[in-house]
Amino acid sequence: MFKGIKFYGSVKVGERGQIALPVELRKKQGIKPGDKILVLGREEKDAAGVFLMKADMLSKMMERFKDFGRMMREVKK
Protein backbone atom coordinates (compact mmCIF):
# COMPACT_ATOMS: atom_id res chain seq x y z
CA MET A 1 0.00 0.00 0.00
CA PHE A 2 2.80 2.45 0.85
CA LYS A 3 5.37 1.15 -1.62
CA GLY A 4 7.60 3.97 -2.82
CA ILE A 5 6.49 6.37 -0.08
CA LYS A 6 9.13 7.72 2.32
CA PHE A 7 8.44 9.34 5.69
CA TYR A 8 10.28 12.69 5.90
CA GLY A 9 9.17 13.72 9.37
CA SER A 10 6.26 15.70 10.71
CA VAL A 11 5.34 19.36 10.56
CA LYS A 12 3.21 21.56 12.77
CA VAL A 13 0.54 23.83 11.30
CA GLY A 14 1.04 27.42 12.43
CA GLU A 15 -1.64 29.92 13.40
CA ARG A 16 -1.92 31.14 9.79
CA GLY A 17 -2.21 27.58 8.44
CA GLN A 18 1.38 27.49 7.23
CA ILE A 19 3.76 24.51 7.30
CA ALA A 20 7.46 24.17 6.52
CA LEU A 21 8.49 21.24 4.33
CA PRO A 22 11.42 19.23 5.72
CA VAL A 23 14.80 20.05 4.16
CA GLU A 24 15.45 16.45 3.03
CA LEU A 25 12.13 16.40 1.16
CA ARG A 26 12.80 19.77 -0.51
CA LYS A 27 16.24 18.62 -1.64
CA LYS A 28 15.04 15.21 -2.87
CA GLN A 29 12.10 16.71 -4.80
CA GLY A 30 13.97 19.79 -6.01
CA ILE A 31 11.56 22.19 -4.29
CA LYS A 32 12.90 25.74 -4.25
CA PRO A 33 11.56 29.07 -2.95
CA GLY A 34 8.89 30.35 -5.32
CA ASP A 35 7.91 26.90 -6.63
CA LYS A 36 4.16 26.37 -6.87
CA ILE A 37 2.84 23.40 -4.86
CA LEU A 38 -0.60 21.96 -5.47
CA VAL A 39 -2.51 20.95 -2.33
CA LEU A 40 -4.94 18.08 -2.87
CA GLY A 41 -7.23 16.42 -0.38
CA ARG A 42 -10.08 13.99 -0.11
CA GLU A 43 -13.60 15.30 0.42
CA GLU A 44 -14.12 13.02 3.43
CA LYS A 45 -12.05 14.28 6.35
CA ASP A 46 -11.66 10.75 7.76
CA ALA A 47 -10.24 9.35 4.50
CA ALA A 48 -6.60 9.40 3.38
CA GLY A 49 -5.69 13.01 4.12
CA VAL A 50 -3.79 15.68 2.21
CA PHE A 51 -1.39 15.35 -0.74
CA LEU A 52 1.17 17.81 -2.09
CA MET A 53 2.49 17.91 -5.66
CA LYS A 54 4.79 20.30 -7.50
CA ALA A 55 2.70 22.09 -10.13
CA ASP A 56 5.21 21.31 -12.89
CA MET A 57 4.81 17.59 -12.15
CA LEU A 58 1.11 17.81 -13.00
CA SER A 59 1.88 19.18 -16.46
CA LYS A 60 4.44 16.39 -17.00
CA MET A 61 1.85 13.80 -15.95
CA MET A 62 -0.72 15.28 -18.33
CA GLU A 63 1.78 15.06 -21.21
CA ARG A 64 2.33 11.37 -20.42
CA PHE A 65 -1.43 10.77 -20.47
CA LYS A 66 -1.70 12.54 -23.85
CA ASP A 67 1.12 10.37 -25.22
CA PHE A 68 -0.54 7.25 -23.77
CA GLY A 69 -3.88 8.25 -25.34
CA ARG A 70 -2.27 8.72 -28.76
CA MET A 71 -0.53 5.37 -28.45
CA MET A 72 -3.79 3.61 -27.51
CA ARG A 73 -5.61 5.18 -30.49
CA GLU A 74 -2.89 3.87 -32.79
CA VAL A 75 -3.12 0.39 -31.28
CA LYS A 76 -6.89 0.31 -31.83
CA LYS A 77 -6.56 1.10 -35.58
C-alpha atoms as a PDB file:
ATOM      1  CA  MET A   1       0.000   0.000   0.000  1.00  0.00           C
ATOM      2  CA  PHE A   2       2.802   2.448   0.847  1.00  0.00           C
ATOM      3  CA  LYS A   3       5.370   1.145  -1.625  1.00  0.00           C
ATOM      4  CA  GLY A   4       7.598   3.974  -2.824  1.00  0.00           C
ATOM      5  CA  ILE A   5       6.489   6.369  -0.083  1.00  0.00           C
ATOM      6  CA  LYS A   6       9.127   7.723   2.316  1.00  0.00           C
ATOM      7  CA  PHE A   7       8.438   9.338   5.686  1.00  0.00           C
ATOM      8  CA  TYR A   8      10.284  12.686   5.896  1.00  0.00           C
ATOM      9  CA  GLY A   9       9.170  13.717   9.371  1.00  0.00           C
ATOM     10  CA  SER A  10       6.263  15.697  10.710  1.00  0.00           C
ATOM     11  CA  VAL A  11       5.339  19.359  10.560  1.00  0.00           C
ATOM     12  CA  LYS A  12       3.207  21.560  12.768  1.00  0.00           C
ATOM     13  CA  VAL A  13       0.544  23.826  11.296  1.00  0.00           C
ATOM     14  CA  GLY A  14       1.045  27.421  12.433  1.00  0.00           C
ATOM     15  CA  GLU A  15      -1.641  29.916  13.401  1.00  0.00           C
ATOM     16  CA  ARG A  16      -1.918  31.143   9.795  1.00  0.00           C
ATOM     17  CA  GLY A  17      -2.212  27.585   8.435  1.00  0.00           C
ATOM     18  CA  GLN A  18       1.384  27.485   7.226  1.00  0.00           C
ATOM     19  CA  ILE A  19       3.756  24.513   7.300  1.00  0.00           C
ATOM     20  CA  ALA A  20       7.461  24.165   6.520  1.00  0.00           C
ATOM     21  CA  LEU A  21       8.490  21.239   4.326  1.00  0.00           C
ATOM     22  CA  PRO A  22      11.416  19.227   5.716  1.00  0.00           C
ATOM     23  CA  VAL A  23      14.801  20.049   4.156  1.00  0.00           C
ATOM     24  CA  GLU A  24      15.445  16.452   3.033  1.00  0.00           C
ATOM     25  CA  LEU A  25      12.131  16.403   1.162  1.00  0.00           C
ATOM     26  CA  ARG A  26      12.798  19.766  -0.512  1.00  0.00           C
ATOM     27  CA  LYS A  27      16.243  18.616  -1.638  1.00  0.00           C
ATOM     28  CA  LYS A  28      15.037  15.212  -2.870  1.00  0.00           C
ATOM     29  CA  GLN A  29      12.104  16.706  -4.797  1.00  0.00           C
ATOM     30  CA  GLY A  30      13.969  19.793  -6.008  1.00  0.00           C
ATOM     31  CA  ILE A  31      11.559  22.191  -4.290  1.00  0.00           C
ATOM     32  CA  LYS A  32      12.899  25.739  -4.252  1.00  0.00           C
ATOM     33  CA  PRO A  33      11.560  29.069  -2.951  1.00  0.00           C
ATOM     34  CA  GLY A  34       8.894  30.351  -5.321  1.00  0.00           C
ATOM     35  CA  ASP A  35       7.907  26.902  -6.632  1.00  0.00           C
ATOM     36  CA  LYS A  36       4.159  26.365  -6.873  1.00  0.00           C
ATOM     37  CA  ILE A  37       2.845  23.402  -4.862  1.00  0.00           C
ATOM     38  CA  LEU A  38      -0.604  21.956  -5.467  1.00  0.00           C
ATOM     39  CA  VAL A  39      -2.512  20.950  -2.326  1.00  0.00           C
ATOM     40  CA  LEU A  40      -4.936  18.083  -2.870  1.00  0.00           C
ATOM     41  CA  GLY A  41      -7.231  16.416  -0.382  1.00  0.00           C
ATOM     42  CA  ARG A  42     -10.083  13.986  -0.112  1.00  0.00           C
ATOM     43  CA  GLU A  43     -13.602  15.302   0.416  1.00  0.00           C
ATOM     44  CA  GLU A  44     -14.119  13.020   3.426  1.00  0.00           C
ATOM     45  CA  LYS A  45     -12.046  14.280   6.348  1.00  0.00           C
ATOM     46  CA  ASP A  46     -11.658  10.754   7.759  1.00  0.00           C
ATOM     47  CA  ALA A  47     -10.239   9.352   4.500  1.00  0.00           C
ATOM     48  CA  ALA A  48      -6.598   9.398   3.378  1.00  0.00           C
ATOM     49  CA  GLY A  49      -5.692  13.010   4.122  1.00  0.00           C
ATOM     50  CA  VAL A  50      -3.792  15.678   2.205  1.00  0.00           C
ATOM     51  CA  PHE A  51      -1.388  15.349  -0.736  1.00  0.00           C
ATOM     52  CA  LEU A  52       1.170  17.812  -2.095  1.00  0.00           C
ATOM     53  CA  MET A  53       2.485  17.912  -5.665  1.00  0.00           C
ATOM     54  CA  LYS A  54       4.788  20.298  -7.499  1.00  0.00           C
ATOM     55  CA  ALA A  55       2.703  22.090 -10.126  1.00  0.00           C
ATOM     56  CA  ASP A  56       5.211  21.310 -12.892  1.00  0.00           C
ATOM     57  CA  MET A  57       4.809  17.589 -12.153  1.00  0.00           C
ATOM     58  CA  LEU A  58       1.113  17.811 -12.999  1.00  0.00           C
ATOM     59  CA  SER A  59       1.876  19.184 -16.456  1.00  0.00           C
ATOM     60  CA  LYS A  60       4.445  16.390 -16.996  1.00  0.00           C
ATOM     61  CA  MET A  61       1.853  13.796 -15.946  1.00  0.00           C
ATOM     62  CA  MET A  62      -0.715  15.280 -18.325  1.00  0.00           C
ATOM     63  CA  GLU A  63       1.779  15.062 -21.211  1.00  0.00           C
ATOM     64  CA  ARG A  64       2.332  11.373 -20.423  1.00  0.00           C
ATOM     65  CA  PHE A  65      -1.431  10.775 -20.472  1.00  0.00           C
ATOM     66  CA  LYS A  66      -1.697  12.539 -23.849  1.00  0.00           C
ATOM     67  CA  ASP A  67       1.122  10.373 -25.216  1.00  0.00           C
ATOM     68  CA  PHE A  68      -0.537   7.255 -23.775  1.00  0.00           C
ATOM     69  CA  GLY A  69      -3.879   8.250 -25.337  1.00  0.00           C
ATOM     70  CA  ARG A  70      -2.268   8.723 -28.763  1.00  0.00           C
ATOM     71  CA  MET A  71      -0.532   5.367 -28.453  1.00  0.00           C
ATOM     72  CA  MET A  72      -3.786   3.607 -27.514  1.00  0.00           C
ATOM     73  CA  ARG A  73      -5.610   5.177 -30.487  1.00  0.00           C
ATOM     74  CA  GLU A  74      -2.890   3.871 -32.792  1.00  0.00           C
ATOM     75  CA  VAL A  75      -3.118   0.387 -31.285  1.00  0.00           C
ATOM     76  CA  LYS A  76      -6.890   0.310 -31.834  1.00  0.00           C
ATOM     77  CA  LYS A  77      -6.558   1.096 -35.578  1.00  0.00           C
END
